[in-house]
Amino acid sequence: MSKDKKLKVWNFLPEFTRALREQLEEDDRKWGDEWLRRPREGQEVRAMGFISHYFSEWAKDPYRNPIPWLKIVGTALICWIR
């Protein structure tokens, strides 16, 4: 990137949204519309539970268990939509 252009987070949005869509499509094949069937109540607790689980797995072995950031964003997106 040239010196006269500043690096901005939003510059990564096109690549990120493509990757997120792929993750969401994979999740849909696995889980279907489960996200719609779960009650809205308690969604924050469920979301934090997922995040805590991912972090715990990463902490056990960071090289074998990378944090699945796209899954975390997908979970946050569901909370935001609802």
PDB file of N, CA and C in Angstrom:
ATOM      1  N   MET A   1       0.850  -1.170   0.000  1.00  0.00           N
ATOM      2  CA  MET A   1       0.000   0.000   0.000  1.00  0.00           C
ATOM      3  C   MET A   1       0.900   1.238   0.000  1.00  0.00           C
ATOM      4  N   SER A   2       0.553   2.202  -0.802  1.00  0.00           N
ATOM      5  CA  SER A   2       1.384   3.393  -0.899  1.00  0.00           C
ATOM      6  C   SER A   2       1.324   4.204   0.388  1.00  0.00           C
ATOM      7  N   LYS A   3       2.357   5.018   0.584  1.00  0.00           N
ATOM      8  CA  LYS A   3       2.449   5.811   1.809  1.00  0.00           C
ATOM      9  C   LYS A   3       1.338   6.846   1.921  1.00  0.00           C
ATOM     10  N   ASP A   4       0.801   7.297   0.783  1.00  0.00           N
ATOM     11  CA  ASP A   4      -0.232   8.328   0.832  1.00  0.00           C
ATOM     12  C   ASP A   4      -1.620   7.751   1.123  1.00  0.00           C
ATOM     13  N   LYS A   5      -1.754   6.438   1.149  1.00  0.00           N
ATOM     14  CA  LYS A   5      -3.035   5.815   1.502  1.00  0.00           C
ATOM     15  C   LYS A   5      -2.913   5.210   2.888  1.00  0.00           C
ATOM     16  N   LYS A   6      -3.860   5.559   3.730  1.00  0.00           N
ATOM     17  CA  LYS A   6      -3.857   5.002   5.075  1.00  0.00           C
ATOM     18  C   LYS A   6      -4.622   3.690   5.079  1.00  0.00           C
ATOM     19  N   LEU A   7      -4.109   2.750   5.829  1.00  0.00           N
ATOM     20  CA  LEU A   7      -4.766   1.462   5.969  1.00  0.00           C
ATOM     21  C   LEU A   7      -5.979   1.624   6.873  1.00  0.00           C
ATOM     22  N   LYS A   8      -7.124   1.229   6.385  1.00  0.00           N
ATOM     23  CA  LYS A   8      -8.372   1.336   7.139  1.00  0.00           C
ATOM     24  C   LYS A   8      -8.988  -0.046   7.270  1.00  0.00           C
ATOM     25  N   VAL A   9      -9.637  -0.286   8.382  1.00  0.00           N
ATOM     26  CA  VAL A   9     -10.268  -1.580   8.626  1.00  0.00           C
ATOM     27  C   VAL A   9     -11.277  -1.898   7.531  1.00  0.00           C
ATOM     28  N   TRP A  10     -12.046  -0.915   7.106  1.00  0.00           N
ATOM     29  CA  TRP A  10     -13.101  -1.173   6.121  1.00  0.00           C
ATOM     30  C   TRP A  10     -12.551  -1.580   4.757  1.00  0.00           C
ATOM     31  N   ASN A  11     -11.254  -1.369   4.532  1.00  0.00           N
ATOM     32  CA  ASN A  11     -10.666  -1.835   3.281  1.00  0.00           C
ATOM     33  C   ASN A  11     -10.723  -3.361   3.160  1.00  0.00           C
ATOM     34  N   PHE A  12     -10.863  -4.033   4.284  1.00  0.00           N
ATOM     35  CA  PHE A  12     -10.897  -5.493   4.301  1.00  0.00           C
ATOM     36  C   PHE A  12     -12.309  -6.060   4.186  1.00  0.00           C
ATOM     37  N   LEU A  13     -13.312  -5.203   4.155  1.00  0.00           N
ATOM     38  CA  LEU A  13     -14.697  -5.676   4.137  1.00  0.00           C
ATOM     39  C   LEU A  13     -15.044  -6.585   2.953  1.00  0.00           C
ATOM     40  N   PRO A  14     -14.644  -6.281   1.731  1.00  0.00           N
ATOM     41  CA  PRO A  14     -15.014  -7.188   0.635  1.00  0.00           C
ATOM     42  C   PRO A  14     -14.510  -8.622   0.855  1.00  0.00           C
ATOM     43  N   GLU A  15     -13.247  -8.766   1.206  1.00  0.00           N
ATOM     44  CA  GLU A  15     -12.692 -10.101   1.456  1.00  0.00           C
ATOM     45  C   GLU A  15     -13.352 -10.749   2.673  1.00  0.00           C
ATOM     46  N   PHE A  16     -13.551  -9.953   3.714  1.00  0.00           N
ATOM     47  CA  PHE A  16     -14.163 -10.471   4.939  1.00  0.00           C
ATOM     48  C   PHE A  16     -15.593 -10.938   4.696  1.00  0.00           C
ATOM     49  N   THR A  17     -16.374 -10.150   3.970  1.00  0.00           N
ATOM     50  CA  THR A  17     -17.768 -10.540   3.743  1.00  0.00           C
ATOM     51  C   THR A  17     -17.856 -11.792   2.872  1.00  0.00           C
ATOM     52  N   ARG A  18     -16.929 -11.960   1.940  1.00  0.00           N
ATOM     53  CA  ARG A  18     -16.909 -13.205   1.149  1.00  0.00           C
ATOM     54  C   ARG A  18     -16.633 -14.400   2.058  1.00  0.00           C
ATOM     55  N   ALA A  19     -15.641 -14.266   2.929  1.00  0.00           N
ATOM     56  CA  ALA A  19     -15.294 -15.359   3.842  1.00  0.00           C
ATOM     57  C   ALA A  19     -16.428 -15.629   4.826  1.00  0.00           C
ATOM     58  N   LEU A  20     -17.061 -14.574   5.328  1.00  0.00           N
ATOM     59  CA  LEU A  20     -18.171 -14.741   6.266  1.00  0.00           C
ATOM     60  C   LEU A  20     -19.345 -15.432   5.581  1.00  0.00           C
ATOM     61  N   ARG A  21     -19.640 -15.045   4.370  1.00  0.00           N
ATOM     62  CA  ARG A  21     -20.741 -15.689   3.645  1.00  0.00           C
ATOM     63  C   ARG A  21     -20.475 -17.181   3.481  1.00  0.00           C
ATOM     64  N   GLU A  22     -19.246 -17.540   3.135  1.00  0.00           N
ATOM     65  CA  GLU A  22     -18.897 -18.956   2.999  1.00  0.00           C
ATOM     66  C   GLU A  22     -19.105 -19.694   4.320  1.00  0.00           C
ATOM     67  N   GLN A  23     -18.695 -19.082   5.423  1.00  0.00           N
ATOM     68  CA  GLN A  23     -18.882 -19.702   6.736  1.00  0.00           C
ATOM     69  C   GLN A  23     -20.367 -19.847   7.062  1.00  0.00           C
ATOM     70  N   LEU A  24     -21.143 -18.809   6.788  1.00  0.00           N
ATOM     71  CA  LEU A  24     -22.582 -18.861   7.066  1.00  0.00           C
ATOM     72  C   LEU A  24     -23.275 -19.918   6.211  1.00  0.00           C
ATOM     73  N   GLU A  25     -22.846 -20.059   4.966  1.00  0.00           N
ATOM     74  CA  GLU A  25     -23.425 -21.093   4.101  1.00  0.00           C
ATOM     75  C   GLU A  25     -23.075 -22.488   4.611  1.00  0.00           C
ATOM     76  N   GLU A  26     -21.838 -22.657   5.071  1.00  0.00           N
ATOM     77  CA  GLU A  26     -21.429 -23.943   5.656  1.00  0.00           C
ATOM     78  C   GLU A  26     -22.244 -24.233   6.915  1.00  0.00           C
ATOM     79  N   ASP A  27     -22.411 -23.230   7.764  1.00  0.00           N
ATOM     80  CA  ASP A  27     -23.210 -23.395   8.983  1.00  0.00           C
ATOM     81  C   ASP A  27     -24.659 -23.731   8.640  1.00  0.00           C
ATOM     82  N   ASP A  28     -25.180 -23.122   7.584  1.00  0.00           N
ATOM     83  CA  ASP A  28     -26.556 -23.389   7.180  1.00  0.00           C
ATOM     84  C   ASP A  28     -26.726 -24.834   6.719  1.00  0.00           C
ATOM     85  N   ARG A  29     -25.740 -25.348   5.996  1.00  0.00           N
ATOM     86  CA  ARG A  29     -25.808 -26.752   5.574  1.00  0.00           C
ATOM     87  C   ARG A  29     -25.798 -27.680   6.788  1.00  0.00           C
ATOM     88  N   LYS A  30     -25.053 -27.289   7.810  1.00  0.00           N
ATOM     89  CA  LYS A  30     -24.938 -28.127   9.012  1.00  0.00           C
ATOM     90  C   LYS A  30     -26.132 -27.970   9.947  1.00  0.00           C
ATOM     91  N   TRP A  31     -26.563 -26.727  10.179  1.00  0.00           N
ATOM     92  CA  TRP A  31     -27.565 -26.440  11.211  1.00  0.00           C
ATOM     93  C   TRP A  31     -28.928 -26.025  10.676  1.00  0.00           C
ATOM     94  N   GLY A  32     -29.008 -25.689   9.396  1.00  0.00           N
ATOM     95  CA  GLY A  32     -30.285 -25.236   8.850  1.00  0.00           C
ATOM     96  C   GLY A  32     -30.745 -23.955   9.530  1.00  0.00           C
ATOM     97  N   ASP A  33     -32.046 -23.883   9.812  1.00  0.00           N
ATOM     98  CA  ASP A  33     -32.585 -22.662  10.427  1.00  0.00           C
ATOM     99  C   ASP A  33     -32.698 -22.773  11.949  1.00  0.00           C
ATOM    100  N   GLU A  34     -31.795 -23.521  12.537  1.00  0.00           N
ATOM    101  CA  GLU A  34     -31.774 -23.671  14.001  1.00  0.00           C
ATOM    102  C   GLU A  34     -31.759 -22.308  14.701  1.00  0.00           C
ATOM    103  N   TRP A  35     -31.061 -21.356  14.114  1.00  0.00           N
ATOM    104  CA  TRP A  35     -30.968 -20.036  14.741  1.00  0.00           C
ATOM    105  C   TRP A  35     -32.339 -19.374  14.857  1.00  0.00           C
ATOM    106  N   LEU A  36     -33.257 -19.708  13.955  1.00  0.00           N
ATOM    107  CA  LEU A  36     -34.605 -19.141  14.022  1.00  0.00           C
ATOM    108  C   LEU A  36     -35.478 -19.849  15.056  1.00  0.00           C
ATOM    109  N   ARG A  37     -35.189 -21.107  15.311  1.00  0.00           N
ATOM    110  CA  ARG A  37     -35.997 -21.886  16.256  1.00  0.00           C
ATOM    111  C   ARG A  37     -35.622 -21.623  17.713  1.00  0.00           C
ATOM    112  N   ARG A  38     -34.417 -21.180  17.946  1.00  0.00           N
ATOM    113  CA  ARG A  38     -34.002 -20.905  19.323  1.00  0.00           C
ATOM    114  C   ARG A  38     -34.684 -19.633  19.815  1.00  0.00           C
ATOM    115  N   PRO A  39     -35.033 -19.618  21.104  1.00  0.00           N
ATOM    116  CA  PRO A  39     -35.696 -18.420  21.625  1.00  0.00           C
ATOM    117  C   PRO A  39     -34.743 -17.228  21.655  1.00  0.00           C
ATOM    118  N   ARG A  40     -35.317 -16.059  21.484  1.00  0.00           N
ATOM    119  CA  ARG A  40     -34.510 -14.843  21.554  1.00  0.00           C
ATOM    120  C   ARG A  40     -33.979 -14.636  22.970  1.00  0.00           C
ATOM    121  N   GLU A  41     -34.803 -14.991  23.947  1.00  0.00           N
ATOM    122  CA  GLU A  41     -34.388 -14.850  25.338  1.00  0.00           C
ATOM    123  C   GLU A  41     -33.161 -15.726  25.579  1.00  0.00           C
ATOM    124  N   GLY A  42     -32.182 -15.157  26.207  1.00  0.00           N
ATOM    125  CA  GLY A  42     -30.971 -15.903  26.533  1.00  0.00           C
ATOM    126  C   GLY A  42     -29.950 -15.975  25.416  1.00  0.00           C
ATOM    127  N   GLN A  43     -30.205 -15.275  24.309  1.00  0.00           N
ATOM    128  CA  GLN A  43     -29.268 -15.373  23.193  1.00  0.00           C
ATOM    129  C   GLN A  43     -27.884 -14.828  23.548  1.00  0.00           C
ATOM    130  N   GLU A  44     -27.829 -13.820  24.398  1.00  0.00           N
ATOM    131  CA  GLU A  44     -26.533 -13.272  24.781  1.00  0.00           C
ATOM    132  C   GLU A  44     -25.735 -14.287  25.584  1.00  0.00           C
ATOM    133  N   VAL A  45     -26.428 -14.993  26.486  1.00  0.00           N
ATOM    134  CA  VAL A  45     -25.756 -16.013  27.297  1.00  0.00           C
ATOM    135  C   VAL A  45     -25.257 -17.140  26.390  1.00  0.00           C
ATOM    136  N   ARG A  46     -26.086 -17.570  25.432  1.00  0.00           N
ATOM    137  CA  ARG A  46     -25.660 -18.609  24.488  1.00  0.00           C
ATOM    138  C   ARG A  46     -24.459 -18.135  23.670  1.00  0.00           C
ATOM    139  N   ALA A  47     -24.531 -16.905  23.189  1.00  0.00           N
ATOM    140  CA  ALA A  47     -23.439 -16.373  22.374  1.00  0.00           C
ATOM    141  C   ALA A  47     -22.142 -16.341  23.173  1.00  0.00           C
ATOM    142  N   MET A  48     -22.207 -15.863  24.394  1.00  0.00           N
ATOM    143  CA  MET A  48     -21.004 -15.813  25.224  1.00  0.00           C
ATOM    144  C   MET A  48     -20.515 -17.219  25.553  1.00  0.00           C
ATOM    145  N   GLY A  49     -21.433 -18.167  25.674  1.00  0.00           N
ATOM    146  CA  GLY A  49     -21.044 -19.560  25.898  1.00  0.00           C
ATOM    147  C   GLY A  49     -20.244 -20.105  24.726  1.00  0.00           C
ATOM    148  N   PHE A  50     -20.708 -19.803  23.506  1.00  0.00           N
ATOM    149  CA  PHE A  50     -19.968 -20.238  22.318  1.00  0.00           C
ATOM    150  C   PHE A  50     -18.571 -19.614  22.306  1.00  0.00           C
ATOM    151  N   ILE A  51     -18.514 -18.319  22.565  1.00  0.00           N
ATOM    152  CA  ILE A  51     -17.229 -17.618  22.540  1.00  0.00           C
ATOM    153  C   ILE A  51     -16.299 -18.177  23.607  1.00  0.00           C
ATOM    154  N   SER A  52     -16.814 -18.410  24.801  1.00  0.00           N
ATOM    155  CA  SER A  52     -16.001 -18.984  25.884  1.00  0.00           C
ATOM    156  C   SER A  52     -15.480 -20.362  25.500  1.00  0.00           C
ATOM    157  N   HIS A  53     -16.339 -21.161  24.870  1.00  0.00           N
ATOM    158  CA  HIS A  53     -15.917 -22.497  24.433  1.00  0.00           C
ATOM    159  C   HIS A  53     -14.780 -22.389  23.414  1.00  0.00           C
ATOM    160  N   TYR A  54     -14.941 -21.520  22.430  1.00  0.00           N
ATOM    161  CA  TYR A  54     -13.897 -21.355  21.421  1.00  0.00           C
ATOM    162  C   TYR A  54     -12.591 -20.911  22.068  1.00  0.00           C
ATOM    163  N   PHE A  55     -12.679 -19.989  23.022  1.00  0.00           N
ATOM    164  CA  PHE A  55     -11.475 -19.506  23.694  1.00  0.00           C
ATOM    165  C   PHE A  55     -10.826 -20.623  24.506  1.00  0.00           C
ATOM    166  N   SER A  56     -11.629 -21.405  25.207  1.00  0.00           N
ATOM    167  CA  SER A  56     -11.096 -22.519  26.008  1.00  0.00           C
ATOM    168  C   SER A  56     -10.361 -23.520  25.128  1.00  0.00           C
ATOM    169  N   GLU A  57     -10.949 -23.840  23.984  1.00  0.00           N
ATOM    170  CA  GLU A  57     -10.300 -24.776  23.062  1.00  0.00           C
ATOM    171  C   GLU A  57      -8.991 -24.202  22.541  1.00  0.00           C
ATOM    172  N   TRP A  58      -8.996 -22.922  22.236  1.00  0.00           N
ATOM    173  CA  TRP A  58      -7.780 -22.262  21.772  1.00  0.00           C
ATOM    174  C   TRP A  58      -6.714 -22.281  22.862  1.00  0.00           C
ATOM    175  N   ALA A  59      -7.107 -21.997  24.095  1.00  0.00           N
ATOM    176  CA  ALA A  59      -6.156 -21.939  25.204  1.00  0.00           C
ATOM    177  C   ALA A  59      -5.489 -23.292  25.449  1.00  0.00           C
ATOM    178  N   LYS A  60      -6.200 -24.380  25.178  1.00  0.00           N
ATOM    179  CA  LYS A  60      -5.622 -25.716  25.359  1.00  0.00           C
ATOM    180  C   LYS A  60      -4.476 -25.960  24.383  1.00  0.00           C
ATOM    181  N   ASP A  61      -4.645 -25.508  23.162  1.00  0.00           N
ATOM    182  CA  ASP A  61      -3.630 -25.727  22.131  1.00  0.00           C
ATOM    183  C   ASP A  61      -3.836 -24.729  20.994  1.00  0.00           C
ATOM    184  N   PRO A  62      -3.244 -23.538  21.128  1.00  0.00           N
ATOM    185  CA  PRO A  62      -3.473 -22.475  20.143  1.00  0.00           C
ATOM    186  C   PRO A  62      -3.051 -22.838  18.717  1.00  0.00           C
ATOM    187  N   TYR A  63      -2.114 -23.751  18.579  1.00  0.00           N
ATOM    188  CA  TYR A  63      -1.647 -24.102  17.238  1.00  0.00           C
ATOM    189  C   TYR A  63      -2.598 -25.064  16.535  1.00  0.00           C
ATOM    190  N   ARG A  64      -3.292 -25.876  17.309  1.00  0.00           N
ATOM    191  CA  ARG A  64      -4.217 -26.844  16.716  1.00  0.00           C
ATOM    192  C   ARG A  64      -5.657 -26.353  16.736  1.00  0.00           C
ATOM    193  N   ASN A  65      -5.947 -25.381  17.580  1.00  0.00           N
ATOM    194  CA  ASN A  65      -7.317 -24.897  17.749  1.00  0.00           C
ATOM    195  C   ASN A  65      -7.380 -23.381  17.582  1.00  0.00           C
ATOM    196  N   PRO A  66      -7.231 -22.885  16.374  1.00  0.00           N
ATOM    197  CA  PRO A  66      -7.331 -21.431  16.209  1.00  0.00           C
ATOM    198  C   PRO A  66      -8.739 -20.947  16.560  1.00  0.00           C
ATOM    199  N   ILE A  67      -8.821 -19.734  17.008  1.00  0.00           N
ATOM    200  CA  ILE A  67     -10.126 -19.148  17.329  1.00  0.00           C
ATOM    201  C   ILE A  67     -10.888 -18.949  16.016  1.00  0.00           C
ATOM    202  N   PRO A  68     -12.103 -19.496  15.920  1.00  0.00           N
ATOM    203  CA  PRO A  68     -12.879 -19.379  14.679  1.00  0.00           C
ATOM    204  C   PRO A  68     -13.611 -18.037  14.610  1.00  0.00           C
ATOM    205  N   TRP A  69     -12.874 -17.015  14.233  1.00  0.00           N
ATOM    206  CA  TRP A  69     -13.424 -15.660  14.258  1.00  0.00           C
ATOM    207  C   TRP A  69     -14.682 -15.519  13.416  1.00  0.00           C
ATOM    208  N   LEU A  70     -14.747 -16.201  12.288  1.00  0.00           N
ATOM    209  CA  LEU A  70     -15.936 -16.075  11.443  1.00  0.00           C
ATOM    210  C   LEU A  70     -17.162 -16.677  12.114  1.00  0.00           C
ATOM    211  N   LYS A  71     -16.983 -17.752  12.874  1.00  0.00           N
ATOM    212  CA  LYS A  71     -18.111 -18.320  13.619  1.00  0.00           C
ATOM    213  C   LYS A  71     -18.562 -17.350  14.709  1.00  0.00           C
ATOM    214  N   ILE A  72     -17.604 -16.687  15.344  1.00  0.00           N
ATOM    215  CA  ILE A  72     -17.947 -15.706  16.376  1.00  0.00           C
ATOM    216  C   ILE A  72     -18.716 -14.543  15.753  1.00  0.00           C
ATOM    217  N   VAL A  73     -18.262 -14.073  14.612  1.00  0.00           N
ATOM    218  CA  VAL A  73     -18.967 -12.981  13.929  1.00  0.00           C
ATOM    219  C   VAL A  73     -20.355 -13.437  13.497  1.00  0.00           C
ATOM    220  N   GLY A  74     -20.476 -14.670  13.027  1.00  0.00           N
ATOM    221  CA  GLY A  74     -21.786 -15.204  12.655  1.00  0.00           C
ATOM    222  C   GLY A  74     -22.736 -15.230  13.835  1.00  0.00           C
ATOM    223  N   THR A  75     -22.231 -15.633  14.988  1.00  0.00           N
ATOM    224  CA  THR A  75     -23.039 -15.634  16.211  1.00  0.00           C
ATOM    225  C   THR A  75     -23.460 -14.214  16.572  1.00  0.00           C
ATOM    226  N   ALA A  76     -22.524 -13.271  16.471  1.00  0.00           N
ATOM    227  CA  ALA A  76     -22.841 -11.869  16.765  1.00  0.00           C
ATOM    228  C   ALA A  76     -23.861 -11.326  15.762  1.00  0.00           C
ATOM    229  N   LEU A  77     -23.747 -11.728  14.517  1.00  0.00           N
ATOM    230  CA  LEU A  77     -24.691 -11.278  13.492  1.00  0.00           C
ATOM    231  C   LEU A  77     -26.106 -11.749  13.811  1.00  0.00           C
ATOM    232  N   ILE A  78     -26.232 -12.995  14.243  1.00  0.00           N
ATOM    233  CA  ILE A  78     -27.552 -13.507  14.625  1.00  0.00           C
ATOM    234  C   ILE A  78     -28.132 -12.669  15.758  1.00  0.00           C
ATOM    235  N   CYS A  79     -27.320 -12.374  16.770  1.00  0.00           N
ATOM    236  CA  CYS A  79     -27.801 -11.536  17.882  1.00  0.00           C
ATOM    237  C   CYS A  79     -28.205 -10.154  17.375  1.00  0.00           C
ATOM    238  N   TRP A  80     -27.425  -9.593  16.487  1.00  0.00           N
ATOM    239  CA  TRP A  80     -27.716  -8.262  15.954  1.00  0.00           C
ATOM    240  C   TRP A  80     -29.009  -8.274  15.148  1.00  0.00           C
ATOM    241  N   ILE A  81     -29.211  -9.311  14.339  1.00  0.00           N
ATOM    242  CA  ILE A  81     -30.426  -9.410  13.527  1.00  0.00           C
ATOM    243  C   ILE A  81     -31.658  -9.490  14.412  1.00  0.00           C
ATOM    244  N   ARG A  82     -31.553 -10.276  15.474  1.00  0.00           N
ATOM    245  CA  ARG A  82     -32.714 -10.539  16.310  1.00  0.00           C
ATOM    246  C   ARG A  82     -32.977  -9.378  17.227  1.00  0.00           C
TER     247      ARG A  82
END
